[in-house]
C-alpha atoms as a PDB file:
ATOM      1  CA  UNK A   1      37.337 -41.346   6.628  1.00  0.00           C
ATOM      2  CA  UNK A   2      39.587 -38.330   6.749  1.00  0.00           C
ATOM      3  CA  UNK A   3      40.713 -37.111  10.110  1.00  0.00           C
ATOM      4  CA  UNK A   4      38.777 -33.988  11.013  1.00  0.00           C
ATOM      5  CA  UNK A   5      40.016 -31.092  13.078  1.00  0.00           C
ATOM      6  CA  UNK A   6      37.473 -28.821  14.758  1.00  0.00           C
ATOM      7  CA  UNK A   7      38.629 -25.252  14.254  1.00  0.00           C
ATOM      8  CA  UNK A   8      38.224 -22.857  17.181  1.00  0.00           C
ATOM      9  CA  UNK A   9      38.243 -20.031  14.650  1.00  0.00           C
ATOM     10  CA  UNK A  10      34.951 -21.056  13.050  1.00  0.00           C
ATOM     11  CA  UNK A  11      32.277 -18.882  14.605  1.00  0.00           C
ATOM     12  CA  UNK A  12      29.399 -20.207  12.522  1.00  0.00           C
ATOM     13  CA  UNK A  13      29.026 -23.591  14.209  1.00  0.00           C
ATOM     14  CA  UNK A  14      25.386 -24.329  14.920  1.00  0.00           C
ATOM     15  CA  UNK A  15      23.044 -27.020  16.199  1.00  0.00           C
ATOM     16  CA  UNK A  16      20.289 -26.686  13.617  1.00  0.00           C
ATOM     17  CA  UNK A  17      19.604 -30.070  12.039  1.00  0.00           C
ATOM     18  CA  UNK A  18      22.335 -31.503  14.293  1.00  0.00           C
ATOM     19  CA  UNK A  19      25.144 -30.101  12.165  1.00  0.00           C
ATOM     20  CA  UNK A  20      28.560 -28.725  13.148  1.00  0.00           C
ATOM     21  CA  UNK A  21      31.012 -27.067  10.786  1.00  0.00           C
ATOM     22  CA  UNK A  22      34.644 -28.189  10.861  1.00  0.00           C
ATOM     23  CA  UNK A  23      37.853 -28.054   8.828  1.00  0.00           C
ATOM     24  CA  UNK A  24      39.833 -31.039   7.517  1.00  0.00           C
ATOM     25  CA  UNK A  25      43.603 -31.402   7.660  1.00  0.00           C
ATOM     26  CA  UNK A  26      43.634 -30.165   4.052  1.00  0.00           C
ATOM     27  CA  UNK A  27      41.790 -26.934   4.858  1.00  0.00           C
ATOM     28  CA  UNK A  28      38.435 -28.072   3.455  1.00  0.00           C
ATOM     29  CA  UNK A  29      35.297 -26.899   5.239  1.00  0.00           C
ATOM     30  CA  UNK A  30      32.930 -29.774   6.055  1.00  0.00           C
ATOM     31  CA  UNK A  31      29.663 -30.317   7.886  1.00  0.00           C
ATOM     32  CA  UNK A  32      29.528 -32.941  10.672  1.00  0.00           C
ATOM     33  CA  UNK A  33      26.358 -34.817  11.627  1.00  0.00           C
ATOM     34  CA  UNK A  34      25.411 -36.462  14.917  1.00  0.00           C
ATOM     35  CA  UNK A  35      25.327 -39.890  13.273  1.00  0.00           C
ATOM     36  CA  UNK A  36      29.073 -39.703  12.587  1.00  0.00           C
ATOM     37  CA  UNK A  37      28.822 -38.886   8.878  1.00  0.00           C
ATOM     38  CA  UNK A  38      30.046 -35.716   7.146  1.00  0.00           C
ATOM     39  CA  UNK A  39      30.003 -33.922   3.812  1.00  0.00           C
ATOM     40  CA  UNK A  40      31.910 -31.083   2.156  1.00  0.00           C
ATOM     41  CA  UNK A  41      30.382 -27.672   2.824  1.00  0.00           C
ATOM     42  CA  UNK A  42      31.515 -26.560  -0.621  1.00  0.00           C
ATOM     43  CA  UNK A  43      30.371 -28.982  -3.324  1.00  0.00           C
ATOM     44  CA  UNK A  44      33.048 -27.752  -5.736  1.00  0.00           C
ATOM     45  CA  UNK A  45      35.786 -28.940  -3.337  1.00  0.00           C
ATOM     46  CA  UNK A  46      34.372 -32.465  -3.297  1.00  0.00           C
ATOM     47  CA  UNK A  47      33.955 -32.485  -7.070  1.00  0.00           C
ATOM     48  CA  UNK A  48      37.523 -31.349  -7.715  1.00  0.00           C
ATOM     49  CA  UNK A  49      38.958 -34.054  -5.466  1.00  0.00           C
ATOM     50  CA  UNK A  50      36.825 -36.872  -6.841  1.00  0.00           C
ATOM     51  CA  UNK A  51      36.404 -35.967 -10.524  1.00  0.00           C
ATOM     52  CA  UNK A  52      38.834 -35.914 -13.440  1.00  0.00           C
ATOM     53  CA  UNK A  53      37.383 -34.312 -16.563  1.00  0.00           C
ATOM     54  CA  UNK A  54      38.796 -34.548 -20.100  1.00  0.00           C
ATOM     55  CA  UNK A  55      40.049 -31.562 -22.079  1.00  0.00           C
ATOM     56  CA  UNK A  56      39.903 -32.369 -25.811  1.00  0.00           C
ATOM     57  CA  UNK A  57      42.104 -29.407 -26.806  1.00  0.00           C
ATOM     58  CA  UNK A  58      45.595 -30.565 -27.900  1.00  0.00           C
ATOM     59  CA  UNK A  59      48.485 -28.765 -26.219  1.00  0.00           C
ATOM     60  CA  UNK A  60      51.853 -28.358 -27.938  1.00  0.00           C
ATOM     61  CA  UNK A  61      55.318 -27.087 -27.230  1.00  0.00           C
ATOM     62  CA  UNK A  62      55.978 -23.418 -27.963  1.00  0.00           C
ATOM     63  CA  UNK A  63      58.319 -22.882 -30.932  1.00  0.00           C
ATOM     64  CA  UNK A  64      60.643 -20.788 -28.771  1.00  0.00           C
ATOM     65  CA  UNK A  65      61.181 -23.680 -26.343  1.00  0.00           C
ATOM     66  CA  UNK A  66      64.310 -25.154 -27.944  1.00  0.00           C
ATOM     67  CA  UNK A  67      66.473 -26.174 -24.983  1.00  0.00           C
ATOM     68  CA  UNK A  68      65.898 -29.775 -23.896  1.00  0.00           C
ATOM     69  CA  UNK A  69      66.480 -31.042 -20.367  1.00  0.00           C
ATOM     70  CA  UNK A  70      66.347 -34.847 -20.332  1.00  0.00           C
ATOM     71  CA  UNK A  71      65.391 -36.784 -17.252  1.00  0.00           C
ATOM     72  CA  UNK A  72      68.163 -38.946 -15.835  1.00  0.00           C
ATOM     73  CA  UNK A  73      65.670 -41.522 -14.513  1.00  0.00           C
ATOM     74  CA  UNK A  74      62.690 -41.829 -16.890  1.00  0.00           C
ATOM     75  CA  UNK A  75      62.060 -41.470 -20.611  1.00  0.00           C
ATOM     76  CA  UNK A  76      60.829 -37.896 -20.540  1.00  0.00           C
ATOM     77  CA  UNK A  77      62.110 -34.354 -20.578  1.00  0.00           C
ATOM     78  CA  UNK A  78      61.155 -30.722 -20.884  1.00  0.00           C
ATOM     79  CA  UNK A  79      61.858 -28.114 -23.532  1.00  0.00           C
ATOM     80  CA  UNK A  80      62.287 -24.581 -22.216  1.00  0.00           C
ATOM     81  CA  UNK A  81      62.960 -21.180 -23.727  1.00  0.00           C
ATOM     82  CA  UNK A  82      66.558 -20.568 -22.572  1.00  0.00           C
ATOM     83  CA  UNK A  83      66.092 -16.803 -22.807  1.00  0.00           C
ATOM     84  CA  UNK A  84      63.226 -16.941 -20.304  1.00  0.00           C
ATOM     85  CA  UNK A  85      63.805 -19.945 -18.017  1.00  0.00           C
ATOM     86  CA  UNK A  86      67.082 -20.084 -16.087  1.00  0.00           C
ATOM     87  CA  UNK A  87      68.239 -23.323 -14.493  1.00  0.00           C
ATOM     88  CA  UNK A  88      68.990 -23.150 -10.767  1.00  0.00           C
ATOM     89  CA  UNK A  89      70.425 -25.692  -8.337  1.00  0.00           C
ATOM     90  CA  UNK A  90      69.174 -23.819  -5.280  1.00  0.00           C
ATOM     91  CA  UNK A  91      66.495 -26.459  -4.572  1.00  0.00           C
ATOM     92  CA  UNK A  92      67.365 -30.097  -3.907  1.00  0.00           C
ATOM     93  CA  UNK A  93      65.087 -33.009  -3.005  1.00  0.00           C
ATOM     94  CA  UNK A  94      65.285 -36.744  -3.799  1.00  0.00           C
ATOM     95  CA  UNK A  95      62.700 -36.471  -6.593  1.00  0.00           C
ATOM     96  CA  UNK A  96      63.675 -33.067  -8.018  1.00  0.00           C
ATOM     97  CA  UNK A  97      65.722 -33.194 -11.224  1.00  0.00           C
ATOM     98  CA  UNK A  98      65.528 -29.613 -12.474  1.00  0.00           C
ATOM     99  CA  UNK A  99      64.398 -26.282 -11.072  1.00  0.00           C
ATOM    100  CA  UNK A 100      63.986 -23.037 -12.993  1.00  0.00           C
ATOM    101  CA  UNK A 101      63.383 -19.356 -12.319  1.00  0.00           C
ATOM    102  CA  UNK A 102      61.867 -17.082 -14.935  1.00  0.00           C
ATOM    103  CA  UNK A 103      64.654 -14.800 -16.110  1.00  0.00           C
ATOM    104  CA  UNK A 104      62.210 -11.970 -16.834  1.00  0.00           C
ATOM    105  CA  UNK A 105      60.104 -12.333 -13.688  1.00  0.00           C
ATOM    106  CA  UNK A 106      61.651 -13.737 -10.509  1.00  0.00           C
ATOM    107  CA  UNK A 107      58.177 -14.508  -9.107  1.00  0.00           C
ATOM    108  CA  UNK A 108      57.651 -17.363 -11.592  1.00  0.00           C
ATOM    109  CA  UNK A 109      59.122 -20.816 -11.006  1.00  0.00           C
ATOM    110  CA  UNK A 110      59.257 -24.217 -12.671  1.00  0.00           C
ATOM    111  CA  UNK A 111      60.346 -27.685 -11.560  1.00  0.00           C
ATOM    112  CA  UNK A 112      60.730 -31.143 -13.115  1.00  0.00           C
ATOM    113  CA  UNK A 113      60.475 -34.172 -10.833  1.00  0.00           C
ATOM    114  CA  UNK A 114      60.507 -37.926 -11.376  1.00  0.00           C
ATOM    115  CA  UNK A 115      60.449 -41.236  -9.544  1.00  0.00           C
ATOM    116  CA  UNK A 116      61.105 -44.778 -10.707  1.00  0.00           C
ATOM    117  CA  UNK A 117      58.157 -46.280  -8.848  1.00  0.00           C
ATOM    118  CA  UNK A 118      55.276 -48.300 -10.241  1.00  0.00           C
ATOM    119  CA  UNK A 119      52.010 -46.345 -10.457  1.00  0.00           C
ATOM    120  CA  UNK A 120      49.041 -48.074 -12.049  1.00  0.00           C
ATOM    121  CA  UNK A 121      47.044 -45.233 -13.594  1.00  0.00           C
ATOM    122  CA  UNK A 122      46.943 -41.465 -13.842  1.00  0.00           C
ATOM    123  CA  UNK A 123      44.108 -41.543 -11.323  1.00  0.00           C
ATOM    124  CA  UNK A 124      46.401 -43.357  -8.877  1.00  0.00           C
ATOM    125  CA  UNK A 125      49.064 -40.774  -9.631  1.00  0.00           C
ATOM    126  CA  UNK A 126      46.618 -37.981  -8.809  1.00  0.00           C
ATOM    127  CA  UNK A 127      45.934 -39.523  -5.418  1.00  0.00           C
ATOM    128  CA  UNK A 128      49.667 -39.862  -4.775  1.00  0.00           C
ATOM    129  CA  UNK A 129      50.506 -36.281  -5.731  1.00  0.00           C
ATOM    130  CA  UNK A 130      47.548 -34.742  -3.904  1.00  0.00           C
ATOM    131  CA  UNK A 131      48.232 -36.712  -0.722  1.00  0.00           C
ATOM    132  CA  UNK A 132      51.927 -35.809  -0.779  1.00  0.00           C
ATOM    133  CA  UNK A 133      51.217 -32.116  -1.338  1.00  0.00           C
ATOM    134  CA  UNK A 134      48.563 -32.026   1.378  1.00  0.00           C
ATOM    135  CA  UNK A 135      50.951 -33.521   3.917  1.00  0.00           C
ATOM    136  CA  UNK A 136      53.525 -30.791   3.313  1.00  0.00           C
ATOM    137  CA  UNK A 137      51.234 -27.755   3.139  1.00  0.00           C
ATOM    138  CA  UNK A 138      49.517 -25.746   5.833  1.00  0.00           C
ATOM    139  CA  UNK A 139      46.554 -25.312   3.467  1.00  0.00           C
ATOM    140  CA  UNK A 140      45.700 -27.074   0.197  1.00  0.00           C
ATOM    141  CA  UNK A 141      42.852 -26.636  -2.273  1.00  0.00           C
ATOM    142  CA  UNK A 142      42.537 -28.478  -5.578  1.00  0.00           C
ATOM    143  CA  UNK A 143      40.900 -26.226  -8.184  1.00  0.00           C
ATOM    144  CA  UNK A 144      41.086 -28.322 -11.373  1.00  0.00           C
ATOM    145  CA  UNK A 145      41.903 -31.833 -12.425  1.00  0.00           C
ATOM    146  CA  UNK A 146      41.638 -33.077 -16.014  1.00  0.00           C
ATOM    147  CA  UNK A 147      43.163 -35.340 -18.618  1.00  0.00           C
ATOM    148  CA  UNK A 148      44.985 -33.584 -21.445  1.00  0.00           C
ATOM    149  CA  UNK A 149      46.977 -34.482 -24.547  1.00  0.00           C
ATOM    150  CA  UNK A 150      50.329 -32.670 -24.548  1.00  0.00           C
ATOM    151  CA  UNK A 151      52.698 -33.174 -27.471  1.00  0.00           C
ATOM    152  CA  UNK A 152      50.883 -36.452 -28.179  1.00  0.00           C
ATOM    153  CA  UNK A 153      51.099 -37.685 -24.562  1.00  0.00           C
ATOM    154  CA  UNK A 154      48.138 -38.376 -22.291  1.00  0.00           C
ATOM    155  CA  UNK A 155      48.800 -36.516 -19.044  1.00  0.00           C
ATOM    156  CA  UNK A 156      47.013 -35.456 -15.891  1.00  0.00           C
ATOM    157  CA  UNK A 157      46.631 -31.712 -15.306  1.00  0.00           C
ATOM    158  CA  UNK A 158      46.259 -30.378 -11.759  1.00  0.00           C
ATOM    159  CA  UNK A 159      45.788 -26.800 -10.611  1.00  0.00           C
ATOM    160  CA  UNK A 160      45.846 -26.095  -6.891  1.00  0.00           C
ATOM    161  CA  UNK A 161      46.401 -23.543  -4.133  1.00  0.00           C
ATOM    162  CA  UNK A 162      48.879 -24.010  -1.307  1.00  0.00           C
ATOM    163  CA  UNK A 163      49.757 -21.990   1.765  1.00  0.00           C
ATOM    164  CA  UNK A 164      53.153 -22.784   3.222  1.00  0.00           C
ATOM    165  CA  UNK A 165      54.619 -20.882   6.169  1.00  0.00           C
ATOM    166  CA  UNK A 166      52.188 -18.019   5.605  1.00  0.00           C
ATOM    167  CA  UNK A 167      52.897 -17.655   1.865  1.00  0.00           C
ATOM    168  CA  UNK A 168      50.167 -18.262  -0.742  1.00  0.00           C
ATOM    169  CA  UNK A 169      51.190 -20.062  -3.927  1.00  0.00           C
ATOM    170  CA  UNK A 170      49.272 -21.341  -6.946  1.00  0.00           C
ATOM    171  CA  UNK A 171      50.515 -24.322  -8.949  1.00  0.00           C
ATOM    172  CA  UNK A 172      49.740 -26.140 -12.175  1.00  0.00           C
ATOM    173  CA  UNK A 173      51.199 -29.560 -12.924  1.00  0.00           C
ATOM    174  CA  UNK A 174      51.377 -32.087 -15.735  1.00  0.00           C
ATOM    175  CA  UNK A 175      51.874 -35.641 -14.463  1.00  0.00           C
ATOM    176  CA  UNK A 176      52.925 -38.309 -16.955  1.00  0.00           C
ATOM    177  CA  UNK A 177      53.320 -42.091 -16.559  1.00  0.00           C
ATOM    178  CA  UNK A 178      56.471 -43.474 -18.175  1.00  0.00           C
ATOM    179  CA  UNK A 179      57.512 -47.053 -18.817  1.00  0.00           C
ATOM    180  CA  UNK A 180      59.442 -47.240 -15.532  1.00  0.00           C
ATOM    181  CA  UNK A 181      57.849 -44.625 -13.293  1.00  0.00           C
ATOM    182  CA  UNK A 182      56.426 -41.150 -13.641  1.00  0.00           C
ATOM    183  CA  UNK A 183      57.420 -37.537 -13.990  1.00  0.00           C
ATOM    184  CA  UNK A 184      55.714 -34.260 -13.218  1.00  0.00           C
ATOM    185  CA  UNK A 185      56.399 -30.804 -14.571  1.00  0.00           C
ATOM    186  CA  UNK A 186      55.132 -27.941 -12.449  1.00  0.00           C
ATOM    187  CA  UNK A 187      54.897 -24.180 -12.912  1.00  0.00           C
ATOM    188  CA  UNK A 188      53.980 -21.944  -9.994  1.00  0.00           C
ATOM    189  CA  UNK A 189      54.017 -18.439  -8.595  1.00  0.00           C
ATOM    190  CA  UNK A 190      52.721 -16.424  -5.691  1.00  0.00           C
ATOM    191  CA  UNK A 191      48.929 -16.611  -5.910  1.00  0.00           C
ATOM    192  CA  UNK A 192      48.482 -12.919  -6.636  1.00  0.00           C
ATOM    193  CA  UNK A 193      50.585 -13.210  -9.812  1.00  0.00           C
ATOM    194  CA  UNK A 194      49.291 -16.522 -11.187  1.00  0.00           C
ATOM    195  CA  UNK A 195      46.453 -15.338 -13.439  1.00  0.00           C
ATOM    196  CA  UNK A 196      48.462 -12.362 -14.682  1.00  0.00           C
ATOM    197  CA  UNK A 197      51.329 -14.563 -15.854  1.00  0.00           C
ATOM    198  CA  UNK A 198      49.497 -17.789 -16.674  1.00  0.00           C
ATOM    199  CA  UNK A 199      50.549 -17.610 -20.339  1.00  0.00           C
ATOM    200  CA  UNK A 200      54.222 -17.823 -19.342  1.00  0.00           C
ATOM    201  CA  UNK A 201      53.485 -20.635 -16.890  1.00  0.00           C
ATOM    202  CA  UNK A 202      51.527 -22.515 -19.574  1.00  0.00           C
ATOM    203  CA  UNK A 203      54.436 -22.176 -21.981  1.00  0.00           C
ATOM    204  CA  UNK A 204      56.737 -23.848 -19.504  1.00  0.00           C
ATOM    205  CA  UNK A 205      54.610 -26.921 -18.714  1.00  0.00           C
ATOM    206  CA  UNK A 206      53.713 -27.410 -22.386  1.00  0.00           C
ATOM    207  CA  UNK A 207      57.365 -28.287 -22.976  1.00  0.00           C
ATOM    208  CA  UNK A 208      56.828 -31.796 -21.577  1.00  0.00           C
ATOM    209  CA  UNK A 209      57.903 -34.484 -24.086  1.00  0.00           C
ATOM    210  CA  UNK A 210      58.640 -38.187 -24.234  1.00  0.00           C
ATOM    211  CA  UNK A 211      62.347 -38.638 -24.950  1.00  0.00           C
ATOM    212  CA  UNK A 212      65.027 -41.197 -24.129  1.00  0.00           C
ATOM    213  CA  UNK A 213      66.519 -40.530 -20.711  1.00  0.00           C
ATOM    214  CA  UNK A 214      70.010 -39.086 -20.414  1.00  0.00           C
ATOM    215  CA  UNK A 215      72.817 -41.634 -20.224  1.00  0.00           C
ATOM    216  CA  UNK A 216      75.791 -41.372 -17.893  1.00  0.00           C
ATOM    217  CA  UNK A 217      76.659 -37.789 -16.972  1.00  0.00           C
ATOM    218  CA  UNK A 218      74.726 -36.280 -19.864  1.00  0.00           C
ATOM    219  CA  UNK A 219      71.958 -34.093 -18.491  1.00  0.00           C
ATOM    220  CA  UNK A 220      71.282 -31.378 -21.046  1.00  0.00           C
ATOM    221  CA  UNK A 221      71.050 -31.236 -24.804  1.00  0.00           C
ATOM    222  CA  UNK A 222      70.282 -28.325 -27.076  1.00  0.00           C
ATOM    223  CA  UNK A 223      68.145 -28.852 -30.167  1.00  0.00           C
ATOM    224  CA  UNK A 224      66.610 -26.569 -32.688  1.00  0.00           C
ATOM    225  CA  UNK A 225      62.878 -26.971 -33.173  1.00  0.00           C
ATOM    226  CA  UNK A 226      61.904 -29.594 -34.154  1.00  0.00           C
ATOM    227  CA  UNK A 227      64.536 -32.095 -32.873  1.00  0.00           C
ATOM    228  CA  UNK A 228      66.729 -33.622 -35.584  1.00  0.00           C
ATOM    229  CA  UNK A 229      65.357 -36.848 -37.101  1.00  0.00           C
ATOM    230  CA  UNK A 230      67.150 -40.140 -36.402  1.00  0.00           C
ATOM    231  CA  UNK A 231      69.916 -41.065 -38.850  1.00  0.00           C
ATOM    232  CA  UNK A 232      68.757 -43.129 -41.821  1.00  0.00           C
ATOM    233  CA  UNK A 233      70.330 -46.522 -42.510  1.00  0.00           C
ATOM    234  CA  UNK A 234      71.521 -46.775 -46.106  1.00  0.00           C
ATOM    235  CA  UNK A 235      70.313 -49.772 -48.040  1.00  0.00           C
ATOM    236  CA  UNK A 236      72.956 -52.188 -49.404  1.00  0.00           C
ATOM    237  CA  UNK A 237      70.851 -52.843 -52.537  1.00  0.00           C
END
């Protein structure tokens, strides 16, 4: 059972039917019962955390996303529009490979992360990502979680709200299992801008592709769309 924190700020606590309202570590409002059980006060919060739906719509890379950043750890990468998304090395963490700022709107951001750890399923990966994000945020709320097909790959899509140090952000992430780990590609902005610029944020995450990881010091390659086909071997006959 999740650890529950009783919030002194909740003024609507009551004794009717032996119920008390409380807030979890993740910012979810719950109802406590005298018998030690509890439930979410908002059914949609429970559903989002427990359910993964399936979106049958295929998602594809935008034709203007022609600049490929290959992962250095897993067989995946991301195509971006180089006129819109500018690479930055201002953010560094053990799992972060690439970070971007929208060149036309400095309130839009993108990141590409990866880890060479064994994760069984996309559902397991959801639990890992949600738990990690919750532990680092002052407030977390998962709004959507669904399976999607992106450029022929089965991925997990997450959309969630986070408050960190008094700032409200909204995120959307594609998480993809590779042969030796996983990667996630995330687009985010301040919450008040998210819906207004969702098209640009969608364009960024839809650049996720399966591609051979970069070898040695090679980190970036530029291709026209689509990527060039592999060289053909001439027959000796």
